[in-house]
Amino acid sequence: MSTKVKWYNDPQMVGSFLLFLPPVGIYGVYKSETIAPKWKRLTYGTVVLVLILFELVN
């Protein structure tokens, strides 16, 4: 009997979602148990930076 790996614990899947469906990818980073905390902080920081830049441009 094989164990089923959740999609958010597969870093490659989460990375793909970050590129093609960012809201789903961000949720995957939040839920993941295998992604290191430094990469989670980097992802959150990048999202915040992009949102701030969008606000400044608008």
PDB file of N, CA and C in Angstrom:
ATOM      1  N   MET A   1       0.845  -1.178   0.000  1.00  0.00           N
ATOM      2  CA  MET A   1       0.000   0.000   0.000  1.00  0.00           C
ATOM      3  C   MET A   1       0.889   1.239   0.000  1.00  0.00           C
ATOM      4  N   SER A   2       0.714   2.082  -0.967  1.00  0.00           N
ATOM      5  CA  SER A   2       1.550   3.279  -1.051  1.00  0.00           C
ATOM      6  C   SER A   2       0.860   4.461  -0.372  1.00  0.00           C
ATOM      7  N   THR A   3       1.698   5.352   0.129  1.00  0.00           N
ATOM      8  CA  THR A   3       1.139   6.542   0.769  1.00  0.00           C
ATOM      9  C   THR A   3       0.966   7.631  -0.279  1.00  0.00           C
ATOM     10  N   LYS A   4      -0.086   8.360  -0.158  1.00  0.00           N
ATOM     11  CA  LYS A   4      -0.401   9.441  -1.093  1.00  0.00           C
ATOM     12  C   LYS A   4       0.230  10.734  -0.587  1.00  0.00           C
ATOM     13  N   VAL A   5       1.033  11.388  -1.424  1.00  0.00           N
ATOM     14  CA  VAL A   5       1.676  12.647  -1.062  1.00  0.00           C
ATOM     15  C   VAL A   5       0.749  13.789  -1.449  1.00  0.00           C
ATOM     16  N   LYS A   6       0.506  14.678  -0.518  1.00  0.00           N
ATOM     17  CA  LYS A   6      -0.340  15.845  -0.800  1.00  0.00           C
ATOM     18  C   LYS A   6       0.365  16.737  -1.818  1.00  0.00           C
ATOM     19  N   TRP A   7      -0.400  17.388  -2.665  1.00  0.00           N
ATOM     20  CA  TRP A   7       0.193  18.217  -3.711  1.00  0.00           C
ATOM     21  C   TRP A   7       1.018  19.352  -3.118  1.00  0.00           C
ATOM     22  N   TYR A   8       0.622  19.882  -1.962  1.00  0.00           N
ATOM     23  CA  TYR A   8       1.342  21.011  -1.383  1.00  0.00           C
ATOM     24  C   TYR A   8       2.625  20.591  -0.684  1.00  0.00           C
ATOM     25  N   ASN A   9       2.895  19.312  -0.563  1.00  0.00           N
ATOM     26  CA  ASN A   9       4.169  18.843  -0.021  1.00  0.00           C
ATOM     27  C   ASN A   9       5.161  18.488  -1.126  1.00  0.00           C
ATOM     28  N   ASP A  10       4.789  18.713  -2.372  1.00  0.00           N
ATOM     29  CA  ASP A  10       5.678  18.499  -3.516  1.00  0.00           C
ATOM     30  C   ASP A  10       6.196  19.863  -3.978  1.00  0.00           C
ATOM     31  N   PRO A  11       7.463  20.185  -3.670  1.00  0.00           N
ATOM     32  CA  PRO A  11       7.983  21.519  -4.001  1.00  0.00           C
ATOM     33  C   PRO A  11       7.907  21.870  -5.484  1.00  0.00           C
ATOM     34  N   GLN A  12       8.084  20.880  -6.362  1.00  0.00           N
ATOM     35  CA  GLN A  12       8.012  21.157  -7.791  1.00  0.00           C
ATOM     36  C   GLN A  12       6.590  21.548  -8.206  1.00  0.00           C
ATOM     37  N   MET A  13       5.610  20.882  -7.639  1.00  0.00           N
ATOM     38  CA  MET A  13       4.203  21.197  -7.941  1.00  0.00           C
ATOM     39  C   MET A  13       3.859  22.595  -7.424  1.00  0.00           C
ATOM     40  N   VAL A  14       4.297  22.915  -6.217  1.00  0.00           N
ATOM     41  CA  VAL A  14       4.018  24.233  -5.642  1.00  0.00           C
ATOM     42  C   VAL A  14       4.689  25.320  -6.474  1.00  0.00           C
ATOM     43  N   GLY A  15       5.919  25.072  -6.918  1.00  0.00           N
ATOM     44  CA  GLY A  15       6.610  26.041  -7.776  1.00  0.00           C
ATOM     45  C   GLY A  15       5.889  26.277  -9.081  1.00  0.00           C
ATOM     46  N   SER A  16       5.364  25.206  -9.663  1.00  0.00           N
ATOM     47  CA  SER A  16       4.598  25.353 -10.905  1.00  0.00           C
ATOM     48  C   SER A  16       3.342  26.176 -10.679  1.00  0.00           C
ATOM     49  N   PHE A  17       2.656  25.913  -9.571  1.00  0.00           N
ATOM     50  CA  PHE A  17       1.465  26.696  -9.262  1.00  0.00           C
ATOM     51  C   PHE A  17       1.812  28.158  -8.996  1.00  0.00           C
ATOM     52  N   LEU A  18       2.964  28.416  -8.376  1.00  0.00           N
ATOM     53  CA  LEU A  18       3.367  29.806  -8.143  1.00  0.00           C
ATOM     54  C   LEU A  18       3.538  30.555  -9.461  1.00  0.00           C
ATOM     55  N   LEU A  19       4.031  29.860 -10.488  1.00  0.00           N
ATOM     56  CA  LEU A  19       4.232  30.504 -11.785  1.00  0.00           C
ATOM     57  C   LEU A  19       2.926  30.677 -12.562  1.00  0.00           C
ATOM     58  N   PHE A  20       2.080  29.636 -12.556  1.00  0.00           N
ATOM     59  CA  PHE A  20       0.913  29.643 -13.442  1.00  0.00           C
ATOM     60  C   PHE A  20      -0.395  30.017 -12.749  1.00  0.00           C
ATOM     61  N   LEU A  21      -0.547  29.690 -11.472  1.00  0.00           N
ATOM     62  CA  LEU A  21      -1.738  30.036 -10.687  1.00  0.00           C
ATOM     63  C   LEU A  21      -1.281  30.546  -9.321  1.00  0.00           C
ATOM     64  N   PRO A  22      -0.806  31.793  -9.258  1.00  0.00           N
ATOM     65  CA  PRO A  22      -0.199  32.295  -8.024  1.00  0.00           C
ATOM     66  C   PRO A  22      -1.044  32.148  -6.754  1.00  0.00           C
ATOM     67  N   PRO A  23      -2.346  32.374  -6.759  1.00  0.00           N
ATOM     68  CA  PRO A  23      -3.086  32.192  -5.505  1.00  0.00           C
ATOM     69  C   PRO A  23      -3.012  30.756  -4.968  1.00  0.00           C
ATOM     70  N   VAL A  24      -3.088  29.792  -5.858  1.00  0.00           N
ATOM     71  CA  VAL A  24      -2.997  28.387  -5.442  1.00  0.00           C
ATOM     72  C   VAL A  24      -1.577  28.087  -4.961  1.00  0.00           C
ATOM     73  N   GLY A  25      -0.574  28.642  -5.636  1.00  0.00           N
ATOM     74  CA  GLY A  25       0.816  28.433  -5.234  1.00  0.00           C
ATOM     75  C   GLY A  25       1.124  29.015  -3.868  1.00  0.00           C
ATOM     76  N   ILE A  26       0.591  30.184  -3.581  1.00  0.00           N
ATOM     77  CA  ILE A  26       0.811  30.812  -2.278  1.00  0.00           C
ATOM     78  C   ILE A  26       0.157  29.973  -1.185  1.00  0.00           C
ATOM     79  N   TYR A  27      -1.027  29.452  -1.453  1.00  0.00           N
ATOM     80  CA  TYR A  27      -1.686  28.563  -0.496  1.00  0.00           C
ATOM     81  C   TYR A  27      -0.848  27.300  -0.291  1.00  0.00           C
ATOM     82  N   GLY A  28      -0.270  26.777  -1.363  1.00  0.00           N
ATOM     83  CA  GLY A  28       0.578  25.595  -1.265  1.00  0.00           C
ATOM     84  C   GLY A  28       1.810  25.846  -0.428  1.00  0.00           C
ATOM     85  N   VAL A  29       2.419  27.016  -0.574  1.00  0.00           N
ATOM     86  CA  VAL A  29       3.580  27.369   0.254  1.00  0.00           C
ATOM     87  C   VAL A  29       3.167  27.461   1.712  1.00  0.00           C
ATOM     88  N   TYR A  30       2.019  28.045   1.963  1.00  0.00           N
ATOM     89  CA  TYR A  30       1.522  28.188   3.334  1.00  0.00           C
ATOM     90  C   TYR A  30       1.280  26.824   3.983  1.00  0.00           C
ATOM     91  N   LYS A  31       0.673  25.885   3.250  1.00  0.00           N
ATOM     92  CA  LYS A  31       0.309  24.579   3.796  1.00  0.00           C
ATOM     93  C   LYS A  31       1.469  23.581   3.838  1.00  0.00           C
ATOM     94  N   SER A  32       2.511  23.806   3.052  1.00  0.00           N
ATOM     95  CA  SER A  32       3.565  22.815   2.891  1.00  0.00           C
ATOM     96  C   SER A  32       4.314  22.538   4.186  1.00  0.00           C
ATOM     97  N   GLU A  33       4.619  21.264   4.386  1.00  0.00           N
ATOM     98  CA  GLU A  33       5.422  20.846   5.527  1.00  0.00           C
ATOM     99  C   GLU A  33       6.856  20.543   5.099  1.00  0.00           C
ATOM    100  N   THR A  34       7.126  20.517   3.799  1.00  0.00           N
ATOM    101  CA  THR A  34       8.451  20.152   3.308  1.00  0.00           C
ATOM    102  C   THR A  34       9.263  21.354   2.836  1.00  0.00           C
ATOM    103  N   ILE A  35       8.636  22.470   2.569  1.00  0.00           N
ATOM    104  CA  ILE A  35       9.361  23.661   2.124  1.00  0.00           C
ATOM    105  C   ILE A  35       9.970  24.343   3.347  1.00  0.00           C
ATOM    106  N   ALA A  36      11.244  24.658   3.246  1.00  0.00           N
ATOM    107  CA  ALA A  36      11.966  25.254   4.370  1.00  0.00           C
ATOM    108  C   ALA A  36      11.402  26.634   4.714  1.00  0.00           C
ATOM    109  N   PRO A  37      11.445  27.001   6.001  1.00  0.00           N
ATOM    110  CA  PRO A  37      10.906  28.313   6.420  1.00  0.00           C
ATOM    111  C   PRO A  37      11.562  29.496   5.707  1.00  0.00           C
ATOM    112  N   LYS A  38      12.848  29.398   5.381  1.00  0.00           N
ATOM    113  CA  LYS A  38      13.490  30.531   4.694  1.00  0.00           C
ATOM    114  C   LYS A  38      12.879  30.747   3.312  1.00  0.00           C
ATOM    115  N   TRP A  39      12.482  29.662   2.615  1.00  0.00           N
ATOM    116  CA  TRP A  39      11.858  29.803   1.309  1.00  0.00           C
ATOM    117  C   TRP A  39      10.435  30.314   1.430  1.00  0.00           C
ATOM    118  N   LYS A  40       9.763  29.937   2.520  1.00  0.00           N
ATOM    119  CA  LYS A  40       8.423  30.482   2.763  1.00  0.00           C
ATOM    120  C   LYS A  40       8.505  31.989   2.989  1.00  0.00           C
ATOM    121  N   ARG A  41       9.451  32.432   3.818  1.00  0.00           N
ATOM    122  CA  ARG A  41       9.613  33.875   4.067  1.00  0.00           C
ATOM    123  C   ARG A  41       9.980  34.610   2.792  1.00  0.00           C
ATOM    124  N   LEU A  42      10.846  34.019   1.965  1.00  0.00           N
ATOM    125  CA  LEU A  42      11.229  34.640   0.700  1.00  0.00           C
ATOM    126  C   LEU A  42      10.019  34.787  -0.220  1.00  0.00           C
ATOM    127  N   THR A  43       9.184  33.761  -0.283  1.00  0.00           N
ATOM    128  CA  THR A  43       7.978  33.813  -1.114  1.00  0.00           C
ATOM    129  C   THR A  43       7.016  34.882  -0.628  1.00  0.00           C
ATOM    130  N   TYR A  44       6.757  34.901   0.681  1.00  0.00           N
ATOM    131  CA  TYR A  44       5.855  35.918   1.233  1.00  0.00           C
ATOM    132  C   TYR A  44       6.406  37.325   1.018  1.00  0.00           C
ATOM    133  N   GLY A  45       7.708  37.494   1.214  1.00  0.00           N
ATOM    134  CA  GLY A  45       8.327  38.803   1.005  1.00  0.00           C
ATOM    135  C   GLY A  45       8.213  39.258  -0.439  1.00  0.00           C
ATOM    136  N   THR A  46       8.400  38.338  -1.366  1.00  0.00           N
ATOM    137  CA  THR A  46       8.275  38.671  -2.785  1.00  0.00           C
ATOM    138  C   THR A  46       6.849  39.079  -3.128  1.00  0.00           C
ATOM    139  N   VAL A  47       5.883  38.367  -2.589  1.00  0.00           N
ATOM    140  CA  VAL A  47       4.476  38.712  -2.846  1.00  0.00           C
ATOM    141  C   VAL A  47       4.164  40.103  -2.293  1.00  0.00           C
ATOM    142  N   VAL A  48       4.624  40.388  -1.094  1.00  0.00           N
ATOM    143  CA  VAL A  48       4.386  41.707  -0.492  1.00  0.00           C
ATOM    144  C   VAL A  48       5.071  42.792  -1.314  1.00  0.00           C
ATOM    145  N   LEU A  49       6.303  42.554  -1.751  1.00  0.00           N
ATOM    146  CA  LEU A  49       7.021  43.534  -2.569  1.00  0.00           C
ATOM    147  C   LEU A  49       6.293  43.807  -3.876  1.00  0.00           C
ATOM    148  N   VAL A  50       5.812  42.768  -4.536  1.00  0.00           N
ATOM    149  CA  VAL A  50       5.074  42.943  -5.791  1.00  0.00           C
ATOM    150  C   VAL A  50       3.784  43.730  -5.551  1.00  0.00           C
ATOM    151  N   LEU A  51       3.070  43.428  -4.477  1.00  0.00           N
ATOM    152  CA  LEU A  51       1.841  44.169  -4.169  1.00  0.00           C
ATOM    153  C   LEU A  51       2.127  45.637  -3.892  1.00  0.00           C
ATOM    154  N   ILE A  52       3.212  45.930  -3.182  1.00  0.00           N
ATOM    155  CA  ILE A  52       3.583  47.323  -2.906  1.00  0.00           C
ATOM    156  C   ILE A  52       3.944  48.037  -4.209  1.00  0.00           C
ATOM    157  N   LEU A  53       4.711  47.363  -5.071  1.00  0.00           N
ATOM    158  CA  LEU A  53       5.077  47.986  -6.341  1.00  0.00           C
ATOM    159  C   LEU A  53       3.850  48.242  -7.224  1.00  0.00           C
ATOM    160  N   PHE A  54       2.915  47.295  -7.258  1.00  0.00           N
ATOM    161  CA  PHE A  54       1.678  47.505  -8.008  1.00  0.00           C
ATOM    162  C   PHE A  54       0.916  48.709  -7.470  1.00  0.00           C
ATOM    163  N   GLU A  55       0.875  48.840  -6.154  1.00  0.00           N
ATOM    164  CA  GLU A  55       0.165  49.973  -5.545  1.00  0.00           C
ATOM    165  C   GLU A  55       0.847  51.292  -5.877  1.00  0.00           C
ATOM    166  N   LEU A  56       2.164  51.317  -5.874  1.00  0.00           N
ATOM    167  CA  LEU A  56       2.904  52.546  -6.186  1.00  0.00           C
ATOM    168  C   LEU A  56       2.721  52.950  -7.639  1.00  0.00           C
ATOM    169  N   VAL A  57       2.675  51.975  -8.540  1.00  0.00           N
ATOM    170  CA  VAL A  57       2.508  52.262  -9.961  1.00  0.00           C
ATOM    171  C   VAL A  57       1.108  52.778 -10.239  1.00  0.00           C
ATOM    172  N   ASN A  58       0.137  52.215  -9.566  1.00  0.00           N
ATOM    173  CA  ASN A  58      -1.251  52.670  -9.742  1.00  0.00           C
ATOM    174  C   ASN A  58      -1.397  53.978  -9.054  1.00  0.00           C
TER     175      ASN A  58
END
